[in-house]
N, C-alpha and C. Protein backbone atom coordinates (compact mmCIF):
# COMPACT_ATOMS: atom_id res chain seq x y z
N UNK A 1 0.83 -1.20 0.00
CA UNK A 1 0.00 0.00 0.00
C UNK A 1 0.87 1.25 0.00
N UNK A 2 2.00 1.18 0.69
CA UNK A 2 2.87 2.35 0.76
C UNK A 2 3.43 2.72 -0.61
N UNK A 3 3.77 1.72 -1.42
CA UNK A 3 4.27 2.02 -2.76
C UNK A 3 3.16 2.61 -3.63
N UNK A 4 1.91 2.17 -3.43
CA UNK A 4 0.77 2.72 -4.17
C UNK A 4 0.59 4.20 -3.84
N UNK A 5 0.70 4.55 -2.56
CA UNK A 5 0.55 5.94 -2.14
C UNK A 5 1.71 6.78 -2.67
N UNK A 6 2.93 6.21 -2.69
CA UNK A 6 4.07 6.95 -3.23
C UNK A 6 3.87 7.28 -4.71
N UNK A 7 3.29 6.35 -5.46
CA UNK A 7 3.07 6.58 -6.89
C UNK A 7 1.95 7.58 -7.15
N UNK A 8 1.01 7.70 -6.22
CA UNK A 8 -0.15 8.55 -6.45
C UNK A 8 -0.21 9.72 -5.48
N UNK A 9 0.90 10.08 -4.86
CA UNK A 9 0.85 11.10 -3.82
C UNK A 9 0.35 12.44 -4.34
N UNK A 10 0.73 12.83 -5.54
CA UNK A 10 0.23 14.08 -6.11
C UNK A 10 -1.25 14.01 -6.39
N UNK A 11 -1.67 12.87 -6.88
CA UNK A 11 -3.08 12.68 -7.20
C UNK A 11 -3.95 12.67 -5.93
N UNK A 12 -3.39 12.22 -4.83
CA UNK A 12 -4.13 12.20 -3.57
C UNK A 12 -4.01 13.52 -2.82
N UNK A 13 -2.92 14.23 -3.04
CA UNK A 13 -2.68 15.47 -2.31
C UNK A 13 -3.53 16.62 -2.80
N UNK A 14 -3.75 16.72 -4.11
CA UNK A 14 -4.50 17.85 -4.67
C UNK A 14 -5.94 17.91 -4.13
N UNK A 15 -6.71 16.80 -4.10
CA UNK A 15 -8.05 16.90 -3.52
C UNK A 15 -8.03 17.28 -2.04
N UNK A 16 -7.04 16.81 -1.31
CA UNK A 16 -6.96 17.17 0.11
C UNK A 16 -6.67 18.66 0.30
N UNK A 17 -5.80 19.21 -0.52
CA UNK A 17 -5.50 20.64 -0.43
C UNK A 17 -6.74 21.45 -0.81
N UNK A 18 -7.40 21.05 -1.90
CA UNK A 18 -8.63 21.76 -2.31
C UNK A 18 -9.69 21.69 -1.22
N UNK A 19 -9.86 20.53 -0.63
CA UNK A 19 -10.85 20.36 0.42
C UNK A 19 -10.50 21.20 1.65
N UNK A 20 -9.22 21.23 2.00
CA UNK A 20 -8.79 22.05 3.14
C UNK A 20 -9.03 23.52 2.91
N UNK A 21 -8.68 24.01 1.72
CA UNK A 21 -8.90 25.42 1.40
C UNK A 21 -10.39 25.75 1.36
N UNK A 22 -11.20 24.87 0.77
CA UNK A 22 -12.64 25.11 0.70
C UNK A 22 -13.26 25.11 2.10
N UNK A 23 -12.77 24.24 2.98
CA UNK A 23 -13.28 24.21 4.35
C UNK A 23 -12.92 25.50 5.08
N UNK A 24 -11.69 25.96 4.90
CA UNK A 24 -11.27 27.22 5.50
C UNK A 24 -12.16 28.37 5.00
N UNK A 25 -12.39 28.42 3.69
CA UNK A 25 -13.21 29.48 3.11
C UNK A 25 -14.65 29.40 3.61
N UNK A 26 -15.18 28.19 3.72
CA UNK A 26 -16.54 28.00 4.21
C UNK A 26 -16.67 28.50 5.65
N UNK A 27 -15.69 28.19 6.48
CA UNK A 27 -15.73 28.64 7.88
C UNK A 27 -15.63 30.16 7.95
N UNK A 28 -14.76 30.75 7.13
CA UNK A 28 -14.63 32.21 7.12
C UNK A 28 -15.92 32.89 6.67
N UNK A 29 -16.55 32.37 5.64
CA UNK A 29 -17.80 32.96 5.15
C UNK A 29 -18.91 32.80 6.19
N UNK A 30 -18.93 31.67 6.86
CA UNK A 30 -19.95 31.42 7.87
C UNK A 30 -19.80 32.37 9.06
N UNK A 31 -18.58 32.83 9.33
CA UNK A 31 -18.37 33.71 10.48
C UNK A 31 -18.68 35.17 10.18
N UNK A 32 -18.97 35.50 8.92
CA UNK A 32 -19.33 36.87 8.56
C UNK A 32 -20.72 37.20 9.07
N UNK A 33 -21.04 38.50 9.17
CA UNK A 33 -22.40 38.86 9.56
C UNK A 33 -23.40 38.35 8.51
N UNK A 34 -24.57 38.00 8.95
CA UNK A 34 -25.65 37.46 8.11
C UNK A 34 -25.21 36.21 7.37
N UNK A 35 -24.89 35.15 8.09
CA UNK A 35 -24.41 33.93 7.44
C UNK A 35 -25.46 33.28 6.54
N UNK A 36 -26.75 33.53 6.81
CA UNK A 36 -27.78 32.94 5.96
C UNK A 36 -27.67 33.45 4.52
N UNK A 37 -27.37 34.72 4.35
CA UNK A 37 -27.22 35.28 3.01
C UNK A 37 -25.87 34.91 2.41
N UNK A 38 -24.83 34.94 3.22
CA UNK A 38 -23.48 34.68 2.73
C UNK A 38 -23.30 33.23 2.28
N UNK A 39 -24.05 32.31 2.90
CA UNK A 39 -23.87 30.90 2.57
C UNK A 39 -24.76 30.43 1.42
N UNK A 40 -25.53 31.34 0.83
CA UNK A 40 -26.41 30.92 -0.27
C UNK A 40 -25.65 30.29 -1.42
N UNK A 41 -24.53 30.82 -1.78
CA UNK A 41 -23.76 30.27 -2.90
C UNK A 41 -22.72 29.25 -2.46
N UNK A 42 -22.01 29.54 -1.38
CA UNK A 42 -20.89 28.68 -1.01
C UNK A 42 -21.35 27.34 -0.45
N UNK A 43 -22.49 27.27 0.24
CA UNK A 43 -22.91 26.02 0.85
C UNK A 43 -23.20 24.92 -0.17
N UNK A 44 -23.97 25.17 -1.24
CA UNK A 44 -24.18 24.09 -2.22
C UNK A 44 -22.89 23.67 -2.93
N UNK A 45 -22.05 24.63 -3.25
CA UNK A 45 -20.79 24.30 -3.91
C UNK A 45 -19.89 23.50 -2.97
N UNK A 46 -19.87 23.88 -1.70
CA UNK A 46 -19.06 23.16 -0.72
C UNK A 46 -19.57 21.73 -0.55
N UNK A 47 -20.89 21.57 -0.52
CA UNK A 47 -21.45 20.22 -0.36
C UNK A 47 -21.12 19.35 -1.57
N UNK A 48 -21.16 19.92 -2.77
CA UNK A 48 -20.79 19.18 -3.98
C UNK A 48 -19.32 18.79 -3.90
N UNK A 49 -18.46 19.68 -3.41
CA UNK A 49 -17.04 19.39 -3.26
C UNK A 49 -16.83 18.27 -2.25
N UNK A 50 -17.56 18.31 -1.13
CA UNK A 50 -17.42 17.26 -0.11
C UNK A 50 -17.79 15.90 -0.71
N UNK A 51 -18.92 15.85 -1.41
CA UNK A 51 -19.35 14.59 -2.02
C UNK A 51 -18.32 14.14 -3.07
N UNK A 52 -17.81 15.08 -3.86
CA UNK A 52 -16.81 14.74 -4.87
C UNK A 52 -15.53 14.19 -4.27
N UNK A 53 -15.04 14.79 -3.21
CA UNK A 53 -13.80 14.32 -2.57
C UNK A 53 -14.02 12.94 -1.95
N UNK A 54 -15.17 12.75 -1.30
CA UNK A 54 -15.45 11.44 -0.71
C UNK A 54 -15.54 10.38 -1.81
N UNK A 55 -16.25 10.67 -2.89
CA UNK A 55 -16.36 9.72 -3.99
C UNK A 55 -14.99 9.44 -4.63
N UNK A 56 -14.17 10.49 -4.75
CA UNK A 56 -12.83 10.30 -5.31
C UNK A 56 -12.04 9.29 -4.47
N UNK A 57 -12.06 9.44 -3.16
CA UNK A 57 -11.29 8.53 -2.32
C UNK A 57 -11.90 7.14 -2.27
N UNK A 58 -13.21 7.04 -2.37
CA UNK A 58 -13.84 5.71 -2.43
C UNK A 58 -13.42 4.99 -3.70
N UNK A 59 -13.51 5.69 -4.85
CA UNK A 59 -13.12 5.06 -6.11
C UNK A 59 -11.62 4.79 -6.16
N UNK A 60 -10.82 5.65 -5.57
CA UNK A 60 -9.38 5.41 -5.54
C UNK A 60 -9.07 4.19 -4.69
N UNK A 61 -9.78 4.03 -3.60
CA UNK A 61 -9.58 2.85 -2.75
C UNK A 61 -9.99 1.58 -3.50
N UNK A 62 -11.11 1.65 -4.23
CA UNK A 62 -11.54 0.49 -5.01
C UNK A 62 -10.53 0.17 -6.11
N UNK A 63 -9.96 1.18 -6.72
CA UNK A 63 -8.93 0.97 -7.73
C UNK A 63 -7.71 0.31 -7.10
N UNK A 64 -7.35 0.74 -5.91
CA UNK A 64 -6.22 0.14 -5.21
C UNK A 64 -6.48 -1.34 -4.93
N UNK A 65 -7.70 -1.66 -4.54
CA UNK A 65 -8.04 -3.05 -4.23
C UNK A 65 -7.94 -3.94 -5.47
N UNK A 66 -8.27 -3.36 -6.64
CA UNK A 66 -8.23 -4.15 -7.87
C UNK A 66 -6.85 -4.20 -8.50
N UNK A 67 -5.98 -3.29 -8.12
CA UNK A 67 -4.69 -3.21 -8.81
C UNK A 67 -3.78 -4.37 -8.44
N UNK A 68 -2.98 -4.71 -9.39
CA UNK A 68 -1.99 -5.75 -9.18
C UNK A 68 -0.72 -5.14 -8.63
N UNK A 69 0.07 -5.88 -7.87
CA UNK A 69 1.29 -5.31 -7.30
C UNK A 69 2.27 -4.81 -8.35
N UNK A 70 2.29 -5.42 -9.55
CA UNK A 70 3.25 -5.00 -10.56
C UNK A 70 2.78 -3.80 -11.36
N UNK A 71 1.54 -3.38 -11.21
CA UNK A 71 0.99 -2.28 -11.99
C UNK A 71 1.55 -0.95 -11.51
N UNK A 72 1.95 -0.13 -12.44
CA UNK A 72 2.49 1.19 -12.15
C UNK A 72 1.64 2.22 -12.86
N UNK A 73 1.49 3.37 -12.23
CA UNK A 73 0.70 4.44 -12.82
C UNK A 73 1.46 5.06 -13.99
N UNK A 74 0.81 5.20 -15.13
CA UNK A 74 1.39 5.89 -16.26
C UNK A 74 2.20 5.02 -17.22
N UNK A 75 2.35 3.73 -16.94
CA UNK A 75 3.13 2.88 -17.83
C UNK A 75 2.41 2.60 -19.14
N UNK A 76 1.10 2.67 -19.16
CA UNK A 76 0.33 2.27 -20.33
C UNK A 76 0.23 3.37 -21.38
N UNK A 77 0.68 4.57 -21.09
CA UNK A 77 0.51 5.68 -22.02
C UNK A 77 1.84 6.08 -22.63
N UNK A 78 1.81 6.34 -23.91
CA UNK A 78 3.03 6.72 -24.60
C UNK A 78 3.21 8.23 -24.55
N UNK A 79 4.36 8.68 -25.02
CA UNK A 79 4.61 10.12 -25.09
C UNK A 79 3.69 10.78 -26.10
N UNK A 80 3.33 10.03 -27.15
CA UNK A 80 2.42 10.55 -28.16
C UNK A 80 1.04 10.82 -27.54
N UNK A 81 0.54 9.89 -26.74
CA UNK A 81 -0.75 10.09 -26.09
C UNK A 81 -0.70 11.23 -25.09
N UNK A 82 0.41 11.38 -24.40
CA UNK A 82 0.57 12.49 -23.46
C UNK A 82 0.55 13.82 -24.20
N UNK A 83 1.24 13.89 -25.33
CA UNK A 83 1.24 15.11 -26.14
C UNK A 83 -0.17 15.42 -26.64
N UNK A 84 -0.88 14.40 -27.13
CA UNK A 84 -2.26 14.61 -27.60
C UNK A 84 -3.15 15.12 -26.47
N UNK A 85 -2.97 14.57 -25.28
CA UNK A 85 -3.76 15.02 -24.14
C UNK A 85 -3.47 16.49 -23.83
N UNK A 86 -2.21 16.87 -23.79
CA UNK A 86 -1.85 18.25 -23.51
C UNK A 86 -2.33 19.20 -24.60
N UNK A 87 -2.19 18.79 -25.86
CA UNK A 87 -2.65 19.63 -26.97
C UNK A 87 -4.17 19.77 -26.95
N UNK A 88 -4.87 18.69 -26.69
CA UNK A 88 -6.33 18.74 -26.62
C UNK A 88 -6.81 19.60 -25.46
N UNK A 89 -6.12 19.51 -24.33
CA UNK A 89 -6.48 20.34 -23.18
C UNK A 89 -6.21 21.82 -23.46
N UNK A 90 -5.10 22.13 -24.08
CA UNK A 90 -4.82 23.53 -24.42
C UNK A 90 -5.84 24.06 -25.42
N UNK A 91 -6.19 23.26 -26.41
CA UNK A 91 -7.22 23.66 -27.37
C UNK A 91 -8.56 23.90 -26.68
N UNK A 92 -8.89 23.04 -25.73
CA UNK A 92 -10.13 23.18 -24.97
C UNK A 92 -10.13 24.49 -24.17
N UNK A 93 -9.05 24.76 -23.48
CA UNK A 93 -8.98 25.96 -22.63
C UNK A 93 -9.09 27.23 -23.46
N UNK A 94 -8.43 27.25 -24.61
CA UNK A 94 -8.44 28.47 -25.42
C UNK A 94 -9.69 28.62 -26.28
N UNK A 95 -10.40 27.55 -26.56
CA UNK A 95 -11.59 27.66 -27.42
C UNK A 95 -12.89 27.73 -26.65
N UNK A 96 -12.87 27.55 -25.35
CA UNK A 96 -14.12 27.52 -24.59
C UNK A 96 -14.84 28.87 -24.63
N UNK A 97 -14.11 29.97 -24.68
CA UNK A 97 -14.74 31.28 -24.73
C UNK A 97 -15.37 31.57 -26.09
N UNK A 98 -14.79 31.06 -27.15
CA UNK A 98 -15.30 31.35 -28.49
C UNK A 98 -16.44 30.42 -28.88
N UNK A 99 -16.27 29.15 -28.62
CA UNK A 99 -17.26 28.16 -29.06
C UNK A 99 -18.37 28.02 -28.03
N UNK A 100 -18.06 28.08 -26.76
CA UNK A 100 -19.04 27.93 -25.70
C UNK A 100 -18.74 26.71 -24.85
N UNK A 101 -19.22 26.74 -23.63
CA UNK A 101 -18.91 25.68 -22.67
C UNK A 101 -19.50 24.33 -23.07
N UNK A 102 -20.77 24.32 -23.41
CA UNK A 102 -21.47 23.05 -23.63
C UNK A 102 -20.84 22.27 -24.78
N UNK A 103 -20.70 22.88 -25.92
CA UNK A 103 -20.17 22.18 -27.10
C UNK A 103 -18.70 21.82 -26.90
N UNK A 104 -17.92 22.76 -26.40
CA UNK A 104 -16.48 22.52 -26.23
C UNK A 104 -16.23 21.40 -25.22
N UNK A 105 -16.95 21.41 -24.12
CA UNK A 105 -16.75 20.38 -23.09
C UNK A 105 -17.19 19.01 -23.60
N UNK A 106 -18.29 18.98 -24.33
CA UNK A 106 -18.75 17.70 -24.88
C UNK A 106 -17.71 17.14 -25.87
N UNK A 107 -17.19 18.00 -26.74
CA UNK A 107 -16.18 17.54 -27.69
C UNK A 107 -14.90 17.10 -26.99
N UNK A 108 -14.48 17.87 -25.99
CA UNK A 108 -13.27 17.54 -25.23
C UNK A 108 -13.39 16.17 -24.56
N UNK A 109 -14.51 15.96 -23.88
CA UNK A 109 -14.70 14.68 -23.19
C UNK A 109 -14.81 13.52 -24.18
N UNK A 110 -15.49 13.76 -25.30
CA UNK A 110 -15.64 12.72 -26.31
C UNK A 110 -14.29 12.30 -26.87
N UNK A 111 -13.46 13.28 -27.24
CA UNK A 111 -12.14 12.95 -27.78
C UNK A 111 -11.24 12.29 -26.74
N UNK A 112 -11.33 12.71 -25.49
CA UNK A 112 -10.54 12.05 -24.45
C UNK A 112 -10.96 10.60 -24.27
N UNK A 113 -12.26 10.36 -24.27
CA UNK A 113 -12.72 8.97 -24.15
C UNK A 113 -12.27 8.13 -25.33
N UNK A 114 -12.38 8.67 -26.53
CA UNK A 114 -11.94 7.93 -27.70
C UNK A 114 -10.44 7.64 -27.66
N UNK A 115 -9.68 8.59 -27.14
CA UNK A 115 -8.23 8.44 -27.11
C UNK A 115 -7.78 7.44 -26.05
N UNK A 116 -8.44 7.40 -24.91
CA UNK A 116 -7.92 6.61 -23.80
C UNK A 116 -8.70 5.34 -23.50
N UNK A 117 -9.78 5.08 -24.21
CA UNK A 117 -10.48 3.82 -23.98
C UNK A 117 -9.69 2.66 -24.55
N UNK A 118 -9.98 1.48 -24.03
CA UNK A 118 -9.27 0.29 -24.51
C UNK A 118 -9.58 0.06 -25.98
N UNK A 119 -8.56 -0.24 -26.73
CA UNK A 119 -8.72 -0.43 -28.17
C UNK A 119 -9.47 -1.72 -28.49
N UNK A 120 -9.58 -2.63 -27.53
CA UNK A 120 -10.22 -3.91 -27.80
C UNK A 120 -11.76 -3.82 -27.77
N UNK A 121 -12.30 -2.70 -27.33
CA UNK A 121 -13.75 -2.58 -27.27
C UNK A 121 -14.31 -2.48 -28.68
N UNK A 122 -15.49 -3.03 -28.87
CA UNK A 122 -16.13 -2.97 -30.19
C UNK A 122 -16.80 -1.62 -30.37
N UNK A 123 -17.08 -1.29 -31.61
CA UNK A 123 -17.71 -0.01 -31.93
C UNK A 123 -19.09 0.10 -31.31
N UNK A 124 -19.81 -1.01 -31.25
CA UNK A 124 -21.17 -1.00 -30.70
C UNK A 124 -21.14 -0.66 -29.21
N UNK A 125 -20.16 -1.14 -28.50
CA UNK A 125 -20.08 -0.82 -27.07
C UNK A 125 -19.51 0.57 -26.82
N UNK A 126 -18.78 1.13 -27.79
CA UNK A 126 -18.20 2.45 -27.61
C UNK A 126 -19.19 3.58 -27.85
N UNK A 127 -20.09 3.44 -28.79
CA UNK A 127 -20.97 4.54 -29.18
C UNK A 127 -21.80 5.07 -28.00
N UNK A 128 -22.51 4.21 -27.25
CA UNK A 128 -23.27 4.77 -26.11
C UNK A 128 -22.37 5.42 -25.06
N UNK A 129 -21.24 4.79 -24.79
CA UNK A 129 -20.34 5.32 -23.77
C UNK A 129 -19.75 6.66 -24.19
N UNK A 130 -19.27 6.73 -25.40
CA UNK A 130 -18.57 7.93 -25.87
C UNK A 130 -19.54 9.10 -26.09
N UNK A 131 -20.79 8.83 -26.38
CA UNK A 131 -21.74 9.92 -26.61
C UNK A 131 -22.52 10.27 -25.35
N UNK A 132 -22.95 9.28 -24.59
CA UNK A 132 -23.83 9.56 -23.45
C UNK A 132 -23.10 10.07 -22.21
N UNK A 133 -21.94 9.54 -21.91
CA UNK A 133 -21.22 9.99 -20.71
C UNK A 133 -20.88 11.48 -20.80
N UNK A 134 -20.28 11.95 -21.89
CA UNK A 134 -20.04 13.39 -21.97
C UNK A 134 -21.32 14.22 -22.00
N UNK A 135 -22.35 13.73 -22.68
CA UNK A 135 -23.61 14.47 -22.75
C UNK A 135 -24.26 14.61 -21.39
N UNK A 136 -24.33 13.52 -20.63
CA UNK A 136 -24.93 13.57 -19.29
C UNK A 136 -24.11 14.46 -18.37
N UNK A 137 -22.79 14.37 -18.47
CA UNK A 137 -21.92 15.20 -17.63
C UNK A 137 -22.09 16.68 -17.94
N UNK A 138 -22.12 17.04 -19.21
CA UNK A 138 -22.27 18.44 -19.60
C UNK A 138 -23.64 18.97 -19.21
N UNK A 139 -24.68 18.19 -19.40
CA UNK A 139 -26.03 18.62 -19.02
C UNK A 139 -26.11 18.80 -17.51
N UNK A 140 -25.49 17.91 -16.76
CA UNK A 140 -25.50 18.03 -15.30
C UNK A 140 -24.76 19.30 -14.85
N UNK A 141 -23.59 19.54 -15.40
CA UNK A 141 -22.83 20.75 -15.04
C UNK A 141 -23.60 22.00 -15.42
N UNK A 142 -24.20 22.01 -16.60
CA UNK A 142 -24.99 23.16 -17.05
C UNK A 142 -26.19 23.38 -16.13
N UNK A 143 -26.87 22.30 -15.75
CA UNK A 143 -28.04 22.43 -14.89
C UNK A 143 -27.65 22.95 -13.51
N UNK A 144 -26.56 22.44 -12.96
CA UNK A 144 -26.15 22.86 -11.62
C UNK A 144 -25.72 24.32 -11.62
N UNK A 145 -24.83 24.68 -12.52
CA UNK A 145 -24.26 26.02 -12.47
C UNK A 145 -25.16 27.08 -13.12
N UNK A 146 -25.60 26.85 -14.33
CA UNK A 146 -26.32 27.89 -15.06
C UNK A 146 -27.78 28.02 -14.61
N UNK A 147 -28.43 26.91 -14.34
CA UNK A 147 -29.85 26.95 -13.99
C UNK A 147 -30.04 27.05 -12.48
N UNK A 148 -29.43 26.13 -11.72
CA UNK A 148 -29.70 26.07 -10.29
C UNK A 148 -28.99 27.17 -9.52
N UNK A 149 -27.70 27.37 -9.76
CA UNK A 149 -26.93 28.35 -9.01
C UNK A 149 -26.87 29.73 -9.68
N UNK A 150 -27.38 29.84 -10.90
CA UNK A 150 -27.35 31.08 -11.67
C UNK A 150 -25.93 31.63 -11.85
N UNK A 151 -25.00 30.73 -12.07
CA UNK A 151 -23.62 31.11 -12.39
C UNK A 151 -23.45 30.88 -13.88
N UNK A 152 -23.32 31.94 -14.65
CA UNK A 152 -23.25 31.75 -16.11
C UNK A 152 -21.97 31.05 -16.54
N UNK A 153 -22.14 30.12 -17.44
CA UNK A 153 -21.00 29.44 -18.04
C UNK A 153 -20.62 30.17 -19.32
N UNK A 154 -19.41 30.02 -19.79
CA UNK A 154 -18.99 30.71 -21.01
C UNK A 154 -19.89 30.36 -22.20
N UNK A 155 -20.39 31.37 -22.86
CA UNK A 155 -21.20 31.15 -24.05
C UNK A 155 -20.44 31.69 -25.26
N UNK A 156 -20.48 30.94 -26.30
CA UNK A 156 -19.82 31.35 -27.53
C UNK A 156 -20.83 31.36 -28.66
N UNK A 157 -20.39 31.15 -29.84
CA UNK A 157 -21.29 31.19 -30.96
C UNK A 157 -22.08 29.89 -31.11
N UNK A 158 -21.76 28.85 -30.32
CA UNK A 158 -22.53 27.60 -30.36
C UNK A 158 -23.18 27.26 -29.02
N UNK A 159 -23.17 28.09 -28.06
CA UNK A 159 -23.73 27.92 -26.71
C UNK A 159 -22.62 27.60 -25.74
């Protein structure tokens, strides 16, 4: 287990730092005058973060349980795939303002899934996964932020 944590220490440390900072911010906002008004935005976002961090560690623990002792993080990806990932991410970051959040995020997630899914999967099993997972994720993010919390997402010429 110790070697597993050594290999993933950065991956485990970032959620803990984010959670610690968000908890500090939540406590500071709660201590301001009129906490009922001040917590209108931060409380739902904080609760989503808490659930996300807990789910992250649950899934990471399940991944650890399934992993083989000889498995190493990052051995399965080539430098070419790493370059494609970085280029796709840079393209996503710079085009989100022009094209819009919904379309850009759906395309980004779709291409990432196509790039990193196992090559042995058949086309019939890939189509629902590659189209529905990004679509459901984008619709959920749009509903939470734009509709429920009234936080506008970047809109471009395609939404």
